[in-house]
Amino acid sequence: MRTSLIFLSLTAFIASSYTVKAQDTTYLSLDDCMKYALKHNYTARNSHLDVLIQEAQVKETLAAAYPHINGKAELDDYVNPPATFLPGSAAAFFQPNAHIPADTSIAVSFTPKYSASATITGSQTIFDGSVLVALKARKSVLELARQNAEVSNETIRYNVFKAYNSLVIAYRQYDITKSALAYARSIEHDLIVTQQAGFAEKIDVERTSVQVNNLATDSIRIENLLAVSEQALKYQMGMDINTPIVLTDTNVAERKQETMSLLEEESDYNRIPEFRLSEASLKVNEFNVQRYQLAALPSLNVFANTGYNYATGAFSELFHTQYIFSTLVGLQLNVPIFNGMLRVNQLREAKLNVEKSKNNIEFAKQSIDFQTAQSRTTLRNAILQVQSQRRNMELATDVLDLSQKKYKAGVGSNLEVTQAQTDQLRAQTNYFNALLDLINAEADLKKALGLLK
């Protein structure tokens, strides 16, 4: 009875552990992986932070257009109050009973030992060319930051697309290798039994054993590569590499129609993040030209100052004596006259940057056209290669099936089966390599067309 209870407890523990592991497994489609990467990949997260930083910097610039108000309170204790030397004749006015000779001087202090003040100052820019341009350019500056982030996001999607589909292909190749290994082991077992009965030669058994060992080695190698490929996908996503995942978009070979439709897709520069980034950079540089042009104009500010001033010789009487209340309001006109040709050269540099941005736009167009044409050609060749290798794999499978039937019927040799299986594995390897090339070509063309979303 106790043994049964222990067995039931262990069974419940194992079942619960399996349930927890099953719940922890994450099922991911290609779209899920891309969305996850855009939230958790460190490059994507930093790109998003760069946009937020730029938004804060724009608001910092806009602060110049708002009123600035500051308060100030000050308490002074003149331990040694400053004094002024007066001639004896003038000093006698302050100390009439001192009998100071006219040809001598005396130090007289006009500063109270204690003083205090409280003031409020305010200023407002009425006209400033740089502030005016900053107000107009804020949307373009933010757009530049967003396009920079989008370029980074597209690269992340591109890497995830390739890593995901490469892992799908590797899993399929691993499954086929395991199936081939299982079949080879069954053949090896049959030959060993047949040899023991005296109806097969030792060389047939050894030849099959060599193939089993090779397949076992390939199976272990592919399994190790699978672990690395899975970790690479998680790395691109920003996911913990120990998180168990299951891929759900496994129909790579069946996406023929979608892949073929890419060849007919028309180019559109506005879909390409790099092109939009070049355009945004041009707009920002054009605003820089306006900023330095308007810097030659005067700037006008209004300011005001009001406050209280206290002064006394005794600290206890500081705020009980009379005070002075003052108010100042004024306009300040700043006229730039000469700054060592600084503005002129800044304007020249800004204009050259505009020309450079225009060249970058034209270069971006040429690069997009070249990459699109090259990717289309590569994809066409990859499609033809996949079709050819798939046909070879089907033929090799038919040959192996026929060889197996002949062997079982006693009219074929084990050598024929072994050779057919070797040819099939080679054809399968070639097919999966061609399929991987197709995936990479598809990713390149989607990137060139701006369709990696």
Protein backbone atom coordinates (compact mmCIF):
# COMPACT_ATOMS: atom_id res chain seq x y z
CA MET A 1 0.00 0.00 0.00
CA ARG A 2 2.80 2.40 0.92
CA THR A 3 4.61 1.53 -2.30
CA SER A 4 1.47 2.40 -4.27
CA LEU A 5 1.20 5.75 -2.53
CA ILE A 6 4.85 6.57 -3.29
CA PHE A 7 4.31 5.57 -6.91
CA LEU A 8 1.20 7.76 -7.18
CA SER A 9 3.05 10.69 -5.60
CA LEU A 10 5.94 10.36 -8.02
CA THR A 11 3.53 10.10 -10.93
CA ALA A 12 1.70 13.26 -9.82
CA PHE A 13 5.02 15.11 -9.39
CA ILE A 14 6.22 14.11 -12.86
CA ALA A 15 2.87 15.06 -14.39
CA SER A 16 2.88 18.44 -12.68
CA SER A 17 6.48 19.09 -13.77
CA TYR A 18 5.55 18.23 -17.33
CA THR A 19 2.54 20.55 -17.16
CA VAL A 20 4.70 23.44 -15.91
CA LYS A 21 7.22 22.86 -18.69
CA ALA A 22 4.44 22.69 -21.27
CA GLN A 23 3.02 25.95 -20.00
CA ASP A 24 6.45 27.57 -20.16
CA THR A 25 6.89 26.61 -23.80
CA THR A 26 6.33 29.56 -26.13
CA TYR A 27 4.72 28.95 -29.52
CA LEU A 28 5.94 31.48 -32.06
CA SER A 29 4.99 32.33 -35.59
CA LEU A 30 7.32 34.42 -37.75
CA ASP A 31 5.17 37.49 -37.11
CA ASP A 32 5.26 36.81 -33.35
CA CYS A 33 9.04 36.67 -33.43
CA MET A 34 9.30 39.98 -35.28
CA LYS A 35 6.91 41.71 -32.89
CA TYR A 36 8.75 40.29 -29.90
CA ALA A 37 12.10 41.40 -31.31
CA LEU A 38 10.89 44.97 -31.87
CA LYS A 39 10.01 45.15 -28.17
CA HIS A 40 12.89 43.25 -26.56
CA ASN A 41 15.89 43.44 -28.89
CA TYR A 42 18.40 45.83 -27.29
CA THR A 43 19.02 47.70 -30.54
CA ALA A 44 15.28 48.25 -30.98
CA ARG A 45 14.89 49.36 -27.38
CA ASN A 46 17.76 51.83 -27.70
CA SER A 47 16.33 53.13 -30.99
CA HIS A 48 13.04 53.80 -29.23
CA LEU A 49 14.91 55.57 -26.45
CA ASP A 50 16.72 57.67 -29.06
CA VAL A 51 13.35 58.87 -30.34
CA LEU A 52 12.27 59.79 -26.81
CA ILE A 53 15.59 61.57 -26.24
CA GLN A 54 15.08 63.55 -29.43
CA GLU A 55 11.58 64.51 -28.31
CA ALA A 56 13.04 65.81 -25.05
CA GLN A 57 15.72 67.75 -26.94
CA VAL A 58 13.07 69.36 -29.16
CA LYS A 59 11.17 70.46 -26.07
CA GLU A 60 14.42 71.86 -24.65
CA THR A 61 14.81 73.97 -27.79
CA LEU A 62 11.20 75.13 -27.63
CA ALA A 63 11.79 76.35 -24.08
CA ALA A 64 13.51 79.39 -25.59
CA ALA A 65 10.12 80.54 -26.95
CA TYR A 66 8.47 80.58 -23.51
CA PRO A 67 8.88 83.16 -20.71
CA HIS A 68 11.76 82.65 -18.30
CA ILE A 69 11.12 83.66 -14.68
CA ASN A 70 13.65 83.43 -11.86
CA GLY A 71 13.58 84.37 -8.19
CA LYS A 72 16.54 85.34 -6.06
CA ALA A 73 17.00 85.98 -2.34
CA GLU A 74 20.29 87.15 -0.84
CA LEU A 75 21.57 87.88 2.68
CA ASP A 76 24.97 89.63 3.09
CA ASP A 77 27.13 90.11 6.17
CA TYR A 78 30.02 92.50 5.59
CA VAL A 79 32.52 91.33 8.19
CA ASN A 80 34.80 94.15 7.05
CA PRO A 81 32.60 96.63 5.24
CA PRO A 82 34.31 98.39 2.32
CA ALA A 83 35.38 101.98 3.04
CA THR A 84 36.34 105.02 1.00
CA PHE A 85 39.20 107.44 1.76
CA LEU A 86 38.09 111.06 2.11
CA PRO A 87 40.29 114.14 2.60
CA GLY A 88 40.34 115.64 6.07
CA SER A 89 38.31 118.66 5.03
CA ALA A 90 35.52 116.45 3.72
CA ALA A 91 35.84 113.98 6.58
CA ALA A 92 35.18 116.73 9.09
CA PHE A 93 31.65 116.85 7.71
CA PHE A 94 31.06 113.30 8.96
CA GLN A 95 33.03 113.65 12.21
CA PRO A 96 32.87 117.34 13.17
CA ASN A 97 34.44 116.83 16.61
CA ALA A 98 37.38 114.80 15.41
CA HIS A 99 39.57 117.80 14.52
CA ILE A 100 41.02 116.06 11.47
CA PRO A 101 43.78 118.04 9.72
CA ALA A 102 42.79 119.17 6.23
CA ASP A 103 45.90 117.69 4.66
CA THR A 104 45.13 114.12 5.92
CA SER A 105 42.63 111.43 4.87
CA ILE A 106 40.20 109.25 6.76
CA ALA A 107 38.46 105.96 5.81
CA VAL A 108 34.70 106.29 5.83
CA SER A 109 32.31 103.32 5.21
CA PHE A 110 29.02 103.91 3.41
CA THR A 111 28.01 100.21 3.43
CA PRO A 112 25.83 98.80 6.24
CA LYS A 113 27.13 95.66 7.87
CA TYR A 114 23.98 93.65 7.00
CA SER A 115 21.89 93.75 3.85
CA ALA A 116 19.21 91.56 2.28
CA SER A 117 17.37 91.52 -1.02
CA ALA A 118 14.61 89.57 -2.74
CA THR A 119 14.04 89.96 -6.48
CA ILE A 120 12.06 88.38 -9.30
CA THR A 121 13.27 88.67 -12.89
CA GLY A 122 11.49 87.68 -16.07
CA SER A 123 12.27 87.74 -19.78
CA GLN A 124 10.46 86.86 -22.99
CA THR A 125 11.85 86.48 -26.49
CA ILE A 126 9.84 88.54 -28.95
CA PHE A 127 11.86 87.71 -32.06
CA ASP A 128 14.83 85.40 -32.54
CA GLY A 129 15.58 83.75 -35.88
CA SER A 130 17.04 80.58 -34.39
CA VAL A 131 14.00 80.09 -32.14
CA LEU A 132 11.67 80.66 -35.08
CA VAL A 133 13.43 78.00 -37.18
CA ALA A 134 13.46 75.59 -34.23
CA LEU A 135 9.67 75.87 -33.99
CA LYS A 136 9.32 75.08 -37.69
CA ALA A 137 11.88 72.25 -37.71
CA ARG A 138 10.71 70.27 -34.69
CA LYS A 139 8.56 67.86 -36.73
CA SER A 140 11.38 67.22 -39.21
CA VAL A 141 13.88 66.57 -36.43
CA LEU A 142 11.55 64.06 -34.79
CA GLU A 143 10.90 62.41 -38.15
CA LEU A 144 14.65 62.00 -38.63
CA ALA A 145 14.90 60.21 -35.29
CA ARG A 146 11.93 57.98 -36.13
CA GLN A 147 13.41 57.03 -39.50
CA ASN A 148 16.70 56.17 -37.82
CA ALA A 149 14.77 53.85 -35.53
CA GLU A 150 12.88 52.35 -38.46
CA VAL A 151 16.15 51.54 -40.25
CA SER A 152 17.28 49.66 -37.14
CA ASN A 153 13.90 47.89 -36.87
CA GLU A 154 14.07 46.77 -40.50
CA THR A 155 17.51 45.25 -39.92
CA ILE A 156 16.12 43.41 -36.90
CA ARG A 157 13.16 42.06 -38.91
CA TYR A 158 15.55 41.00 -41.68
CA ASN A 159 17.77 39.05 -39.26
CA VAL A 160 14.78 37.44 -37.52
CA PHE A 161 13.26 36.42 -40.87
CA LYS A 162 16.44 34.62 -41.92
CA ALA A 163 17.11 33.07 -38.51
CA TYR A 164 13.53 31.80 -38.14
CA ASN A 165 13.32 30.15 -41.56
CA SER A 166 16.85 28.76 -41.29
CA LEU A 167 15.82 27.05 -38.05
CA VAL A 168 12.68 25.64 -39.69
CA ILE A 169 14.78 24.14 -42.49
CA ALA A 170 17.30 22.75 -40.02
CA TYR A 171 14.52 21.01 -38.06
CA ARG A 172 13.20 19.38 -41.22
CA GLN A 173 16.66 18.24 -42.21
CA TYR A 174 17.19 16.82 -38.74
CA ASP A 175 13.91 14.86 -38.90
CA ILE A 176 14.86 13.35 -42.26
CA THR A 177 18.33 12.42 -41.00
CA LYS A 178 16.81 10.68 -37.96
CA SER A 179 14.41 8.76 -40.21
CA ALA A 180 17.27 7.67 -42.45
CA LEU A 181 19.29 6.62 -39.41
CA ALA A 182 16.39 4.54 -38.07
CA TYR A 183 15.98 2.81 -41.43
CA ALA A 184 19.72 2.15 -41.75
CA ARG A 185 19.77 0.60 -38.29
CA SER A 186 16.88 -1.68 -39.21
CA ILE A 187 18.78 -2.78 -42.33
CA GLU A 188 21.89 -3.33 -40.21
CA HIS A 189 19.89 -5.48 -37.80
CA ASP A 190 18.41 -7.55 -40.62
CA LEU A 191 21.85 -8.10 -42.14
CA ILE A 192 23.34 -9.16 -38.83
CA VAL A 193 20.55 -11.72 -38.40
CA THR A 194 20.97 -12.86 -42.02
CA GLN A 195 24.75 -13.18 -41.58
CA GLN A 196 24.30 -15.23 -38.45
CA ALA A 197 22.06 -17.52 -40.46
CA GLY A 198 24.78 -17.77 -43.12
CA PHE A 199 22.93 -15.94 -45.89
CA ALA A 200 24.89 -12.64 -45.88
CA GLU A 201 28.51 -11.68 -46.05
CA LYS A 202 30.43 -9.79 -43.41
CA ILE A 203 31.31 -7.02 -45.88
CA ASP A 204 27.61 -6.20 -46.34
CA VAL A 205 27.18 -5.82 -42.59
CA GLU A 206 30.28 -3.65 -42.25
CA ARG A 207 29.26 -1.47 -45.20
CA THR A 208 25.88 -0.86 -43.56
CA SER A 209 27.53 -0.21 -40.20
CA VAL A 210 29.71 2.47 -41.78
CA GLN A 211 26.61 4.17 -43.12
CA VAL A 212 24.90 3.93 -39.72
CA ASN A 213 27.91 5.51 -38.02
CA ASN A 214 28.02 8.31 -40.59
CA LEU A 215 24.32 9.00 -40.19
CA ALA A 216 24.62 8.94 -36.40
CA THR A 217 27.47 11.46 -36.60
CA ASP A 218 25.46 13.67 -38.96
CA SER A 219 22.46 13.44 -36.65
CA ILE A 220 24.51 14.59 -33.65
CA ARG A 221 26.14 17.36 -35.68
CA ILE A 222 22.80 18.68 -36.96
CA GLU A 223 21.31 18.44 -33.48
CA ASN A 224 24.12 20.60 -32.10
CA LEU A 225 23.69 23.05 -34.96
CA LEU A 226 19.98 23.16 -34.18
CA ALA A 227 20.74 24.31 -30.64
CA VAL A 228 23.05 27.04 -31.96
CA SER A 229 20.51 28.13 -34.59
CA GLU A 230 17.75 28.30 -31.99
CA GLN A 231 19.95 30.36 -29.71
CA ALA A 232 20.78 32.66 -32.64
CA LEU A 233 17.07 33.26 -33.24
CA LYS A 234 16.49 34.03 -29.56
CA TYR A 235 19.48 36.36 -29.59
CA GLN A 236 18.05 38.28 -32.53
CA MET A 237 14.74 38.50 -30.68
CA GLY A 238 16.25 39.59 -27.38
CA MET A 239 14.83 36.48 -25.70
CA ASP A 240 16.43 34.42 -22.95
CA ILE A 241 18.26 31.58 -24.73
CA ASN A 242 16.97 29.08 -22.15
CA THR A 243 13.31 29.76 -22.99
CA PRO A 244 11.76 26.70 -24.73
CA ILE A 245 10.09 27.63 -28.01
CA VAL A 246 8.12 25.88 -30.74
CA LEU A 247 7.95 27.33 -34.26
CA THR A 248 4.53 27.29 -35.91
CA ASP A 249 5.27 28.67 -39.41
CA THR A 250 6.92 25.56 -40.81
CA ASN A 251 5.55 25.60 -44.37
CA VAL A 252 8.67 27.14 -45.91
CA ALA A 253 8.64 24.98 -49.01
CA GLU A 254 4.93 25.54 -49.60
CA ARG A 255 5.17 29.35 -49.88
CA LYS A 256 5.89 29.14 -53.58
CA GLN A 257 3.06 31.46 -54.65
CA GLU A 258 4.06 34.16 -52.16
CA THR A 259 7.69 33.93 -53.26
CA MET A 260 6.78 34.09 -56.95
CA SER A 261 4.62 37.16 -56.37
CA LEU A 262 7.65 39.04 -55.07
CA LEU A 263 9.15 38.92 -58.55
CA GLU A 264 6.20 40.96 -59.86
CA GLU A 265 6.21 43.48 -57.00
CA GLU A 266 6.95 47.02 -58.14
CA SER A 267 9.53 49.16 -56.40
CA ASP A 268 8.50 52.15 -54.31
CA TYR A 269 11.20 54.34 -52.80
CA ASN A 270 8.87 55.62 -50.11
CA ARG A 271 8.61 52.12 -48.64
CA ILE A 272 12.36 51.97 -48.02
CA PRO A 273 13.43 53.23 -44.56
CA GLU A 274 16.90 54.21 -45.80
CA PHE A 275 15.36 56.42 -48.50
CA ARG A 276 12.97 58.09 -46.07
CA LEU A 277 15.90 58.64 -43.72
CA SER A 278 17.80 60.46 -46.49
CA GLU A 279 14.80 62.66 -47.18
CA ALA A 280 14.37 63.49 -43.50
CA SER A 281 18.06 64.36 -43.25
CA LEU A 282 17.70 66.75 -46.22
CA LYS A 283 14.82 68.60 -44.56
CA VAL A 284 16.78 69.02 -41.33
CA ASN A 285 19.79 70.37 -43.22
CA GLU A 286 17.56 72.81 -45.11
CA PHE A 287 16.27 74.14 -41.79
CA ASN A 288 19.88 74.58 -40.69
CA VAL A 289 20.41 76.86 -43.69
CA GLN A 290 17.41 78.94 -42.64
CA ARG A 291 18.69 79.07 -39.07
CA TYR A 292 22.05 80.56 -40.04
CA GLN A 293 20.43 82.93 -42.51
CA LEU A 294 18.09 84.34 -39.87
CA ALA A 295 20.96 84.55 -37.39
CA ALA A 296 22.03 87.74 -39.21
CA LEU A 297 18.84 89.48 -38.04
CA PRO A 298 18.61 91.30 -34.67
CA SER A 299 16.87 89.57 -31.77
CA LEU A 300 14.42 91.39 -29.50
CA ASN A 301 13.67 90.51 -25.87
CA VAL A 302 11.54 92.11 -23.16
CA PHE A 303 12.61 91.86 -19.53
CA ALA A 304 11.43 92.97 -16.09
CA ASN A 305 12.92 93.06 -12.61
CA THR A 306 11.29 93.83 -9.28
CA GLY A 307 12.36 93.33 -5.68
CA TYR A 308 13.02 94.57 -2.13
CA ASN A 309 16.32 95.68 -0.57
CA TYR A 310 17.03 95.91 3.19
CA ALA A 311 20.15 97.26 4.94
CA THR A 312 21.11 98.00 8.59
CA GLY A 313 24.04 97.95 10.94
CA ALA A 314 22.37 95.56 13.41
CA PHE A 315 21.15 92.13 12.32
CA SER A 316 18.17 92.15 14.67
CA GLU A 317 16.84 95.28 12.96
CA LEU A 318 17.42 94.03 9.42
CA PHE A 319 13.77 93.45 8.51
CA HIS A 320 12.34 96.06 10.87
CA THR A 321 13.86 99.11 9.22
CA GLN A 322 12.84 100.82 6.07
CA TYR A 323 13.33 99.09 2.73
CA ILE A 324 13.69 100.02 -0.90
CA PHE A 325 11.24 98.62 -3.47
CA SER A 326 12.33 98.86 -7.10
CA THR A 327 10.89 97.80 -10.46
CA LEU A 328 12.56 97.74 -13.88
CA VAL A 329 10.99 97.04 -17.27
CA GLY A 330 12.86 97.21 -20.54
CA LEU A 331 13.48 96.03 -24.10
CA GLN A 332 16.76 94.58 -25.29
CA LEU A 333 17.74 94.61 -28.95
CA ASN A 334 20.78 92.51 -29.85
CA VAL A 335 22.28 93.39 -33.20
CA PRO A 336 24.97 91.04 -34.59
CA ILE A 337 27.65 93.11 -36.30
CA PHE A 338 30.77 90.98 -36.71
CA ASN A 339 31.68 87.61 -35.21
CA GLY A 340 34.83 86.75 -37.09
CA MET A 341 32.96 85.29 -40.11
CA LEU A 342 31.56 82.52 -37.91
CA ARG A 343 27.98 82.76 -39.19
CA VAL A 344 29.10 83.01 -42.82
CA ASN A 345 31.08 79.79 -42.58
CA GLN A 346 28.31 78.05 -40.64
CA LEU A 347 25.89 79.00 -43.41
CA ARG A 348 28.32 77.74 -46.03
CA GLU A 349 28.69 74.44 -44.18
CA ALA A 350 24.91 74.06 -43.91
CA LYS A 351 24.47 74.63 -47.66
CA LEU A 352 27.14 72.05 -48.44
CA ASN A 353 25.35 69.57 -46.17
CA VAL A 354 22.17 70.19 -48.16
CA GLU A 355 24.01 69.34 -51.38
CA LYS A 356 25.45 66.27 -49.71
CA SER A 357 21.98 65.16 -48.61
CA LYS A 358 20.68 65.54 -52.16
CA ASN A 359 23.55 63.37 -53.40
CA ASN A 360 22.71 60.80 -50.72
CA ILE A 361 19.12 60.67 -51.95
CA GLU A 362 20.23 60.01 -55.52
CA PHE A 363 22.72 57.42 -54.30
CA ALA A 364 19.96 55.77 -52.22
CA LYS A 365 17.78 55.51 -55.34
CA GLN A 366 20.60 53.90 -57.32
CA SER A 367 21.39 51.52 -54.47
CA ILE A 368 17.74 50.51 -54.14
CA ASP A 369 17.42 49.92 -57.88
CA PHE A 370 20.62 47.86 -57.95
CA GLN A 371 19.73 45.81 -54.88
CA THR A 372 16.21 45.18 -56.19
CA ALA A 373 17.45 44.03 -59.61
CA GLN A 374 20.16 41.86 -58.09
CA SER A 375 17.78 40.33 -55.54
CA ARG A 376 15.20 39.55 -58.25
CA THR A 377 17.82 37.71 -60.30
CA THR A 378 19.12 35.84 -57.27
CA LEU A 379 15.58 34.84 -56.27
CA ARG A 380 14.77 33.60 -59.79
CA ASN A 381 17.90 31.45 -59.79
CA ALA A 382 17.11 30.20 -56.28
CA ILE A 383 13.58 29.21 -57.34
CA LEU A 384 14.96 27.28 -60.33
CA GLN A 385 17.54 25.60 -58.11
CA VAL A 386 14.93 24.57 -55.54
CA GLN A 387 12.70 23.14 -58.27
CA SER A 388 15.61 21.19 -59.73
CA GLN A 389 16.86 19.88 -56.39
CA ARG A 390 13.34 18.98 -55.31
CA ARG A 391 12.91 16.93 -58.47
CA ASN A 392 16.25 15.23 -57.83
CA MET A 393 15.19 14.45 -54.26
CA GLU A 394 11.92 12.93 -55.48
CA LEU A 395 13.79 10.82 -58.03
CA ALA A 396 16.29 9.69 -55.40
CA THR A 397 13.40 8.74 -53.11
CA ASP A 398 11.79 6.71 -55.91
CA VAL A 399 15.10 4.94 -56.58
CA LEU A 400 15.49 4.12 -52.88
CA ASP A 401 11.91 2.84 -52.68
CA LEU A 402 12.48 0.60 -55.69
CA SER A 403 15.77 -0.68 -54.28
CA GLN A 404 14.11 -1.51 -50.97
CA LYS A 405 11.33 -3.42 -52.73
CA LYS A 406 13.85 -5.40 -54.81
CA TYR A 407 15.89 -6.16 -51.70
CA LYS A 408 12.86 -7.40 -49.78
CA ALA A 409 11.81 -9.48 -52.77
CA GLY A 410 15.26 -11.07 -52.86
CA VAL A 411 16.15 -9.77 -56.33
CA GLY A 412 18.29 -6.84 -55.18
CA SER A 413 21.44 -6.41 -53.13
CA ASN A 414 22.08 -4.56 -49.91
CA LEU A 415 24.79 -2.57 -51.72
CA GLU A 416 22.17 -1.23 -54.09
CA VAL A 417 19.99 -0.12 -51.15
CA THR A 418 22.93 1.49 -49.37
CA GLN A 419 23.97 3.38 -52.48
CA ALA A 420 20.39 4.53 -53.12
CA GLN A 421 20.07 5.75 -49.56
CA THR A 422 23.39 7.65 -49.84
CA ASP A 423 22.18 9.27 -53.06
CA GLN A 424 18.89 10.22 -51.42
CA LEU A 425 20.64 11.85 -48.45
CA ARG A 426 22.89 13.79 -50.80
CA ALA A 427 19.85 14.94 -52.81
CA GLN A 428 18.05 15.95 -49.61
CA THR A 429 21.08 17.93 -48.44
CA ASN A 430 21.29 19.70 -51.78
CA TYR A 431 17.57 20.45 -51.64
CA PHE A 432 17.73 21.96 -48.16
CA ASN A 433 20.78 24.02 -49.10
CA ALA A 434 18.87 25.34 -52.12
CA LEU A 435 15.87 26.01 -49.88
CA LEU A 436 18.10 28.00 -47.52
CA ASP A 437 19.43 30.02 -50.46
CA LEU A 438 15.83 30.66 -51.49
CA ILE A 439 14.96 31.98 -48.02
CA ASN A 440 17.98 34.29 -48.01
CA ALA A 441 17.14 35.57 -51.49
CA GLU A 442 13.54 36.17 -50.46
CA ALA A 443 14.71 38.12 -47.40
CA ASP A 444 17.06 40.22 -49.54
CA LEU A 445 14.33 41.08 -52.05
CA LYS A 446 11.80 41.91 -49.35
CA LYS A 447 14.34 44.21 -47.74
CA ALA A 448 15.12 45.86 -51.09
CA LEU A 449 11.38 46.39 -51.72
CA GLY A 450 10.65 47.59 -48.18
CA LEU A 451 8.23 44.70 -47.53
CA LEU A 452 9.70 43.39 -44.28
CA LYS A 453 6.88 44.38 -41.95
